[in-house]
Amino acid sequence: MNTTNVWQMKQSTVSNVQLYGMHVVDLKISHAIKKVTLPKTTSQSSHHLVTKLFYLSRKSRQDILTAVAFLCTRVQSPDKDDYKKLARVMQ
């Protein structure tokens, strides 16, 4: 079996690929989940809070640094789940 033929995978809705008798699951299922983004004002306020939390976590609260670092990756287009995570850190 030619390895180039095995690894060629179409970008369509393929869910499984037969690979030497084993099934490899396609991980491109995120298109089915719709994320509800926040309004612009709420997005800006959450960005502002995340930056304040980042400063606080670097200076005195190292215990929240991991959660704040994750939230820093989500400030470009936060959704409702990210806002809930931000509220959880603020508690």
Protein backbone atom coordinates (compact mmCIF):
# COMPACT_ATOMS: atom_id res chain seq x y z
CA MET A 1 0.00 0.00 0.00
CA ASN A 2 1.38 3.38 -1.00
CA THR A 3 1.69 5.78 1.97
CA THR A 4 0.85 8.84 -0.11
CA ASN A 5 -2.53 7.32 -0.96
CA VAL A 6 -3.17 6.52 2.69
CA TRP A 7 -2.59 10.05 3.90
CA GLN A 8 -4.56 11.77 1.16
CA MET A 9 -7.81 12.82 2.75
CA LYS A 10 -10.51 14.89 1.17
CA GLN A 11 -11.71 18.00 3.00
CA SER A 12 -15.34 16.88 2.77
CA THR A 13 -17.40 15.35 5.54
CA VAL A 14 -15.28 12.24 6.02
CA SER A 15 -15.70 10.84 9.50
CA ASN A 16 -13.41 7.79 9.38
CA VAL A 17 -10.36 6.83 7.36
CA GLN A 18 -9.28 3.21 6.91
CA LEU A 19 -5.57 3.09 7.77
CA TYR A 20 -3.88 -0.33 7.86
CA GLY A 21 -6.94 -1.95 9.44
CA MET A 22 -7.40 0.78 12.08
CA HIS A 23 -9.96 3.57 12.12
CA VAL A 24 -8.65 7.09 12.56
CA VAL A 25 -11.33 9.56 13.59
CA ASP A 26 -11.40 12.90 11.81
CA LEU A 27 -11.15 15.69 14.38
CA LYS A 28 -12.77 18.34 12.18
CA ILE A 29 -16.14 18.32 13.92
CA SER A 30 -15.98 21.83 15.35
CA HIS A 31 -17.96 23.23 12.41
CA ALA A 32 -21.12 21.64 13.84
CA ILE A 33 -20.90 23.65 17.08
CA LYS A 34 -22.05 27.24 16.76
CA LYS A 35 -20.51 29.64 19.23
CA VAL A 36 -22.44 32.70 20.29
CA THR A 37 -20.05 35.64 20.32
CA LEU A 38 -20.47 38.50 22.76
CA PRO A 39 -21.56 42.02 21.80
CA LYS A 40 -18.77 44.51 21.22
CA THR A 41 -19.17 46.38 24.52
CA THR A 42 -19.20 43.18 26.57
CA SER A 43 -16.24 41.87 24.59
CA GLN A 44 -14.26 45.03 25.31
CA SER A 45 -15.10 44.93 29.01
CA SER A 46 -14.10 41.26 29.25
CA HIS A 47 -10.81 42.08 27.49
CA HIS A 48 -10.25 44.88 30.00
CA LEU A 49 -10.94 42.52 32.92
CA VAL A 50 -8.65 39.83 31.55
CA THR A 51 -5.76 42.30 31.26
CA LYS A 52 -6.33 43.44 34.85
CA LEU A 53 -6.44 39.84 36.01
CA PHE A 54 -3.24 39.10 34.13
CA TYR A 55 -1.46 41.96 35.90
CA LEU A 56 -2.84 40.80 39.24
CA SER A 57 -1.84 37.19 38.62
CA ARG A 58 1.72 38.18 37.71
CA LYS A 59 2.18 40.41 40.77
CA SER A 60 0.42 38.64 43.62
CA ARG A 61 -2.01 35.84 42.67
CA GLN A 62 0.01 33.13 40.97
CA ASP A 63 -2.72 30.59 41.74
CA ILE A 64 -4.98 32.00 39.00
CA LEU A 65 -2.23 32.38 36.41
CA THR A 66 -3.15 29.24 34.43
CA ALA A 67 -6.82 30.22 34.10
CA VAL A 68 -5.93 33.80 33.17
CA ALA A 69 -3.40 32.62 30.60
CA PHE A 70 -6.16 30.58 28.95
CA LEU A 71 -8.49 33.58 28.97
CA CYS A 72 -5.76 35.67 27.34
CA THR A 73 -5.94 33.39 24.32
CA ARG A 74 -9.68 34.02 23.99
CA VAL A 75 -9.85 37.84 24.04
CA GLN A 76 -10.04 38.31 20.25
CA SER A 77 -13.50 36.80 19.87
CA PRO A 78 -14.89 35.68 23.24
CA ASP A 79 -18.14 33.77 23.43
CA LYS A 80 -20.61 33.20 26.25
CA ASP A 81 -18.68 30.23 27.60
CA ASP A 82 -15.52 32.33 27.85
CA TYR A 83 -17.47 35.01 29.70
CA LYS A 84 -18.69 32.38 32.18
CA LYS A 85 -15.09 31.25 32.70
CA LEU A 86 -14.06 34.86 33.31
CA ALA A 87 -16.84 35.26 35.89
CA ARG A 88 -15.67 32.07 37.57
CA VAL A 89 -12.11 33.41 37.91
CA MET A 90 -13.44 36.70 39.25
CA GLN A 91 -15.21 34.87 42.09
